[in-house]
N, C-alpha and C. Protein backbone atom coordinates (compact mmCIF):
# COMPACT_ATOMS: atom_id res chain seq x y z
N MET A 1 -9.60 -16.70 -4.07
CA MET A 1 -10.99 -16.02 -3.96
C MET A 1 -10.88 -14.67 -3.64
N ILE A 2 -11.60 -13.87 -4.07
CA ILE A 2 -12.04 -12.39 -3.74
C ILE A 2 -13.12 -12.22 -2.77
N ALA A 3 -12.69 -11.67 -1.72
CA ALA A 3 -14.01 -11.55 -0.59
C ALA A 3 -13.59 -10.44 0.19
N SER A 4 -14.62 -9.69 0.82
CA SER A 4 -14.80 -8.79 1.75
C SER A 4 -13.71 -9.14 2.89
N GLY A 5 -12.82 -8.12 3.53
CA GLY A 5 -12.15 -8.58 4.67
C GLY A 5 -13.00 -8.91 5.83
N GLN A 6 -14.54 -8.74 5.76
CA GLN A 6 -15.34 -8.98 6.93
C GLN A 6 -15.59 -10.64 6.71
N GLU A 7 -15.28 -11.23 5.49
CA GLU A 7 -15.66 -12.46 5.23
C GLU A 7 -14.49 -13.46 5.36
N ALA A 8 -13.30 -12.78 5.33
CA ALA A 8 -11.98 -13.42 5.18
C ALA A 8 -11.79 -14.54 6.34
N GLY A 9 -12.18 -14.21 7.75
CA GLY A 9 -12.08 -15.06 8.66
C GLY A 9 -12.97 -16.28 8.65
N PRO A 10 -14.19 -16.45 8.40
CA PRO A 10 -14.87 -17.46 8.03
C PRO A 10 -14.53 -18.38 6.84
N ILE A 11 -14.25 -17.73 6.11
CA ILE A 11 -13.58 -18.35 4.91
C ILE A 11 -12.29 -19.15 4.98
N ARG A 12 -11.38 -18.32 5.63
CA ARG A 12 -10.07 -19.06 6.28
C ARG A 12 -10.24 -20.05 7.10
N ALA A 13 -11.27 -20.04 8.06
CA ALA A 13 -11.65 -21.08 8.87
C ALA A 13 -12.17 -22.56 8.28
N ALA A 14 -12.87 -22.06 7.02
CA ALA A 14 -13.52 -23.34 6.40
C ALA A 14 -12.62 -23.86 5.28
N THR A 15 -11.67 -23.15 5.03
CA THR A 15 -10.70 -23.69 3.71
C THR A 15 -9.24 -24.00 4.14
N GLY A 16 -8.70 -23.58 5.23
CA GLY A 16 -7.55 -23.44 5.59
C GLY A 16 -6.40 -22.94 5.05
N ALA A 17 -5.02 -23.13 5.22
CA ALA A 17 -4.01 -22.34 4.74
C ALA A 17 -3.85 -22.59 3.23
N GLY A 18 -4.18 -23.51 2.55
CA GLY A 18 -3.85 -23.83 1.23
C GLY A 18 -4.58 -23.00 0.12
N PHE A 19 -5.64 -22.21 0.71
CA PHE A 19 -6.73 -21.34 -0.29
C PHE A 19 -6.32 -19.99 -0.21
N SER A 20 -6.12 -19.25 -1.32
CA SER A 20 -5.69 -17.82 -1.28
C SER A 20 -7.01 -16.79 -1.29
N ILE A 21 -7.04 -15.92 -0.29
CA ILE A 21 -7.95 -15.03 -0.35
C ILE A 21 -7.24 -13.59 -0.56
N VAL A 22 -8.10 -12.95 -1.32
CA VAL A 22 -7.64 -11.47 -1.66
C VAL A 22 -8.76 -10.59 -1.28
N CYS A 23 -8.60 -9.68 -0.59
CA CYS A 23 -9.58 -8.83 0.20
C CYS A 23 -9.38 -7.37 -0.44
N PRO A 24 -10.49 -6.84 -1.21
CA PRO A 24 -10.58 -5.64 -1.49
C PRO A 24 -11.19 -4.61 -0.68
N GLY A 25 -10.97 -3.16 -0.88
CA GLY A 25 -11.81 -2.26 0.14
C GLY A 25 -11.00 -2.06 1.38
N ILE A 26 -9.82 -2.20 1.22
CA ILE A 26 -8.91 -1.83 2.55
C ILE A 26 -8.89 -0.71 2.81
N ARG A 27 -8.86 -0.30 4.07
CA ARG A 27 -8.84 1.17 4.45
C ARG A 27 -7.64 1.31 5.68
N PRO A 28 -6.76 2.03 5.55
CA PRO A 28 -5.71 2.14 6.42
C PRO A 28 -6.47 2.54 7.71
N GLY A 29 -6.14 1.98 8.79
CA GLY A 29 -6.63 2.33 10.09
C GLY A 29 -8.18 2.07 10.26
N GLY A 30 -8.65 1.16 9.33
CA GLY A 30 -10.09 0.77 9.41
C GLY A 30 -11.10 1.58 8.66
N PRO A 31 -12.27 0.98 8.83
CA PRO A 31 -13.38 1.62 8.03
C PRO A 31 -13.49 3.14 8.42
N VAL A 32 -13.78 4.12 7.21
CA VAL A 32 -14.05 5.15 7.52
C VAL A 32 -15.43 5.90 7.18
N GLY A 33 -16.35 4.96 6.77
CA GLY A 33 -17.90 5.47 6.79
C GLY A 33 -17.95 5.86 5.25
N ASP A 34 -17.22 5.90 4.27
CA ASP A 34 -17.58 5.97 2.83
C ASP A 34 -18.37 4.95 2.44
N ASP A 35 -18.51 5.28 0.86
CA ASP A 35 -19.63 4.44 0.24
C ASP A 35 -19.51 3.00 0.20
N GLN A 36 -18.31 2.46 0.49
CA GLN A 36 -18.29 1.06 0.57
C GLN A 36 -18.53 0.51 2.07
N LYS A 37 -19.40 -0.50 2.25
CA LYS A 37 -20.10 -0.75 3.29
C LYS A 37 -19.31 -2.18 4.22
N ARG A 38 -18.33 -2.76 3.44
CA ARG A 38 -17.53 -3.92 4.03
C ARG A 38 -16.12 -3.96 3.80
N THR A 39 -15.51 -2.69 4.52
CA THR A 39 -14.22 -2.31 4.44
C THR A 39 -13.76 -2.71 5.92
N VAL A 40 -12.32 -3.02 5.88
CA VAL A 40 -11.75 -3.23 7.01
C VAL A 40 -10.36 -2.83 6.87
N GLY A 41 -9.62 -2.52 7.80
CA GLY A 41 -8.30 -2.16 8.27
C GLY A 41 -7.08 -2.99 7.30
N VAL A 42 -5.97 -2.73 7.22
CA VAL A 42 -4.87 -3.48 6.58
C VAL A 42 -4.80 -4.82 7.84
N VAL A 43 -4.37 -4.29 8.92
CA VAL A 43 -3.87 -5.27 10.15
C VAL A 43 -5.34 -6.30 10.11
N GLN A 44 -6.61 -5.70 10.20
CA GLN A 44 -7.63 -6.89 10.48
C GLN A 44 -7.79 -7.68 9.43
N ALA A 45 -7.62 -7.20 8.00
CA ALA A 45 -7.70 -8.13 6.98
C ALA A 45 -6.72 -9.30 6.97
N PHE A 46 -5.41 -8.96 7.25
CA PHE A 46 -4.56 -9.88 7.42
C PHE A 46 -4.59 -10.84 8.69
N ALA A 47 -4.98 -10.31 9.78
CA ALA A 47 -5.39 -10.93 11.05
C ALA A 47 -6.44 -11.99 10.90
N ASP A 48 -7.24 -11.71 9.76
CA ASP A 48 -8.55 -12.67 9.63
C ASP A 48 -8.21 -13.61 8.49
N GLY A 49 -7.17 -13.50 7.93
CA GLY A 49 -6.85 -14.66 6.94
C GLY A 49 -6.49 -14.16 5.64
N ALA A 50 -6.76 -12.89 5.27
CA ALA A 50 -6.27 -12.54 3.78
C ALA A 50 -4.84 -12.75 3.51
N ASP A 51 -4.72 -13.11 2.18
CA ASP A 51 -3.24 -13.38 1.70
C ASP A 51 -2.74 -12.24 0.92
N ALA A 52 -3.64 -11.55 0.41
CA ALA A 52 -3.23 -10.07 -0.24
C ALA A 52 -4.21 -9.23 -0.09
N ILE A 53 -4.12 -8.05 -0.02
CA ILE A 53 -5.19 -6.84 0.08
C ILE A 53 -5.17 -6.01 -1.36
N VAL A 54 -6.16 -5.22 -1.62
CA VAL A 54 -6.26 -4.53 -2.69
C VAL A 54 -6.75 -3.10 -2.27
N VAL A 55 -5.90 -2.16 -2.40
CA VAL A 55 -6.15 -0.87 -1.49
C VAL A 55 -6.29 0.31 -2.84
N GLY A 56 -7.51 0.92 -3.11
CA GLY A 56 -7.54 1.76 -4.24
C GLY A 56 -7.52 3.21 -3.81
N ARG A 57 -8.78 3.50 -3.31
CA ARG A 57 -9.47 4.82 -3.07
C ARG A 57 -8.41 5.60 -2.10
N PRO A 58 -7.89 4.91 -0.89
CA PRO A 58 -7.12 5.67 0.07
C PRO A 58 -5.69 6.20 -0.77
N ILE A 59 -5.37 5.30 -1.74
CA ILE A 59 -4.18 5.90 -2.45
C ILE A 59 -4.36 6.95 -3.59
N ARG A 60 -5.47 6.62 -4.34
CA ARG A 60 -5.84 7.35 -5.52
C ARG A 60 -6.28 8.40 -5.01
N HIS A 61 -7.20 8.76 -3.84
CA HIS A 61 -7.57 10.18 -3.49
C HIS A 61 -6.64 10.92 -2.68
N ALA A 62 -5.45 10.22 -2.10
CA ALA A 62 -4.61 11.02 -1.08
C ALA A 62 -3.97 12.17 -2.10
N SER A 63 -3.41 13.17 -1.21
CA SER A 63 -2.81 14.37 -1.87
C SER A 63 -1.55 13.88 -2.27
N ASP A 64 -0.98 12.83 -1.67
CA ASP A 64 0.28 12.51 -1.85
C ASP A 64 0.14 10.98 -2.26
N PRO A 65 0.01 10.36 -3.15
CA PRO A 65 -0.52 8.89 -3.55
C PRO A 65 0.78 8.01 -3.00
N GLN A 66 1.86 8.42 -3.35
CA GLN A 66 3.04 7.81 -2.98
C GLN A 66 3.31 7.70 -1.57
N ALA A 67 3.03 8.72 -0.95
CA ALA A 67 3.29 8.65 0.41
C ALA A 67 2.34 7.90 0.99
N ALA A 68 1.15 7.91 0.67
CA ALA A 68 0.07 6.94 1.15
C ALA A 68 0.28 5.45 0.98
N ALA A 69 0.77 5.04 -0.21
CA ALA A 69 1.02 3.79 -0.58
C ALA A 69 2.28 3.41 0.39
N ARG A 70 3.27 4.08 0.59
CA ARG A 70 4.36 3.88 1.40
C ARG A 70 3.84 3.56 2.86
N ALA A 71 3.14 4.45 3.21
CA ALA A 71 2.56 4.27 4.67
C ALA A 71 1.86 2.95 4.78
N ILE A 72 1.24 2.53 3.72
CA ILE A 72 0.38 1.12 3.90
C ILE A 72 1.28 0.17 3.85
N GLN A 73 2.34 0.33 3.19
CA GLN A 73 3.39 -0.78 2.84
C GLN A 73 4.19 -0.85 4.37
N GLN A 74 4.58 0.26 4.99
CA GLN A 74 5.11 0.05 6.33
C GLN A 74 4.17 -0.51 7.45
N GLU A 75 2.62 -0.34 7.18
CA GLU A 75 1.73 -0.94 8.18
C GLU A 75 1.89 -2.56 8.05
N ILE A 76 1.93 -3.00 6.69
CA ILE A 76 2.12 -4.49 6.55
C ILE A 76 3.47 -4.69 6.75
N ALA A 77 4.45 -4.11 6.63
CA ALA A 77 5.73 -4.55 7.10
C ALA A 77 6.08 -4.84 8.65
N THR A 78 5.03 -4.14 9.35
CA THR A 78 5.10 -4.50 10.80
C THR A 78 4.57 -5.86 11.27
N LEU A 79 3.71 -6.38 10.30
CA LEU A 79 3.02 -7.47 10.64
C LEU A 79 4.18 -8.69 10.04
N TRP A 80 4.92 -8.59 9.26
CA TRP A 80 5.95 -9.51 9.01
C TRP A 80 7.34 -8.86 8.91
N PRO A 81 7.77 -8.60 10.10
CA PRO A 81 9.20 -7.88 9.90
C PRO A 81 10.50 -8.56 8.88
N ARG A 82 10.31 -9.82 8.54
CA ARG A 82 11.12 -10.49 7.77
C ARG A 82 10.76 -10.48 6.42
N ALA A 83 9.80 -9.73 6.09
CA ALA A 83 9.60 -9.77 4.69
C ALA A 83 10.39 -8.78 3.79
N GLU A 84 10.57 -9.17 2.77
CA GLU A 84 11.53 -8.45 1.91
C GLU A 84 10.97 -6.74 1.58
N PRO A 85 11.99 -5.90 1.85
CA PRO A 85 11.74 -4.65 1.59
C PRO A 85 10.87 -4.24 0.51
N ALA A 86 9.96 -3.32 0.86
CA ALA A 86 9.07 -2.75 -0.57
C ALA A 86 10.10 -2.25 -1.58
N ARG A 87 9.77 -2.53 -2.75
CA ARG A 87 10.64 -1.83 -3.82
C ARG A 87 9.91 -2.11 -5.17
N ARG A 88 10.15 -1.24 -6.29
CA ARG A 88 9.46 -1.48 -7.36
C ARG A 88 9.80 -2.62 -8.02
N ARG A 89 9.04 -3.21 -8.79
CA ARG A 89 9.32 -4.49 -9.20
C ARG A 89 8.95 -4.53 -10.83
N SER A 90 9.54 -5.15 -11.57
CA SER A 90 9.42 -5.32 -13.00
C SER A 90 7.99 -5.77 -13.38
N ARG A 91 7.75 -5.31 -14.57
CA ARG A 91 6.29 -5.61 -15.16
C ARG A 91 6.19 -7.29 -15.40
N ARG A 92 7.11 -7.87 -15.44
CA ARG A 92 7.13 -9.43 -15.45
C ARG A 92 6.94 -9.95 -14.13
N HIS A 93 7.45 -9.35 -13.06
CA HIS A 93 6.99 -9.80 -11.89
C HIS A 93 5.45 -9.66 -11.55
N HIS A 94 4.73 -8.66 -12.07
CA HIS A 94 3.38 -8.23 -11.98
C HIS A 94 2.49 -9.01 -12.79
N GLU A 95 3.04 -9.75 -14.05
CA GLU A 95 2.32 -10.61 -14.67
C GLU A 95 1.91 -11.76 -14.12
N ARG A 96 2.60 -12.18 -12.94
CA ARG A 96 2.06 -13.22 -12.04
C ARG A 96 0.81 -12.83 -11.18
N HIS A 97 0.92 -11.72 -10.69
CA HIS A 97 -0.07 -11.03 -9.56
C HIS A 97 -0.19 -9.57 -10.05
N PRO A 98 -0.85 -9.19 -10.96
CA PRO A 98 -0.86 -7.86 -11.59
C PRO A 98 -1.51 -6.77 -10.76
N VAL A 99 -1.71 -6.82 -9.36
CA VAL A 99 -2.23 -5.82 -8.66
C VAL A 99 -1.21 -5.23 -7.69
N ALA A 100 -1.47 -4.38 -7.05
CA ALA A 100 -0.62 -3.73 -5.88
C ALA A 100 -0.96 -4.94 -4.73
N CYS A 101 0.05 -5.43 -4.29
CA CYS A 101 -0.08 -6.44 -3.45
C CYS A 101 0.90 -6.44 -2.33
N GLY A 102 0.24 -7.04 -1.03
CA GLY A 102 0.90 -7.24 0.18
C GLY A 102 1.09 -8.68 0.57
N MET A 103 1.74 -9.21 -0.43
CA MET A 103 1.87 -10.78 -0.02
C MET A 103 2.81 -10.92 1.00
N ARG A 104 2.64 -12.39 2.04
CA ARG A 104 3.54 -12.51 2.90
C ARG A 104 4.90 -12.74 2.58
N SER A 105 5.28 -13.05 1.36
CA SER A 105 6.62 -13.34 0.94
C SER A 105 7.43 -12.18 0.59
N HIS A 106 6.71 -11.18 0.26
CA HIS A 106 7.30 -9.84 -0.12
C HIS A 106 6.14 -8.76 -0.04
N LEU A 107 6.80 -7.50 -0.14
CA LEU A 107 5.78 -6.30 -0.44
C LEU A 107 6.17 -5.67 -1.62
N CYS A 108 5.11 -5.30 -2.43
CA CYS A 108 5.46 -4.50 -3.67
C CYS A 108 4.25 -3.84 -4.00
N LEU A 109 4.37 -2.73 -4.87
CA LEU A 109 3.45 -1.80 -5.15
C LEU A 109 3.87 -1.50 -6.68
N LEU A 110 2.50 -1.68 -7.70
CA LEU A 110 2.79 -1.21 -8.91
C LEU A 110 2.30 0.08 -8.91
N LEU A 111 3.20 1.11 -9.22
CA LEU A 111 2.53 2.43 -9.23
C LEU A 111 2.60 3.06 -10.73
């Protein structure tokens, strides 16, 4: 299910662990007061039950998008230290989940 990070907690409580929640509108460091009203930070999204996050504008609008993406990956990595290191993955890998993702089993980014 795609849901705001603000809704991830109640959805997770109602559905349990076998239900996938993807949260868009993620802002590193938390909400910044832009035009999107229901944003949360990376850590908060995962703490509330997100399985994957979608980060667009903070990367796209950064002066160095790759550095911004790496910083977000590092933030995710602190949550699951055993996660496989971030690296470029093949197109075939992303056919299974074709968005930039921070999934619990691995960290990857399609640039």
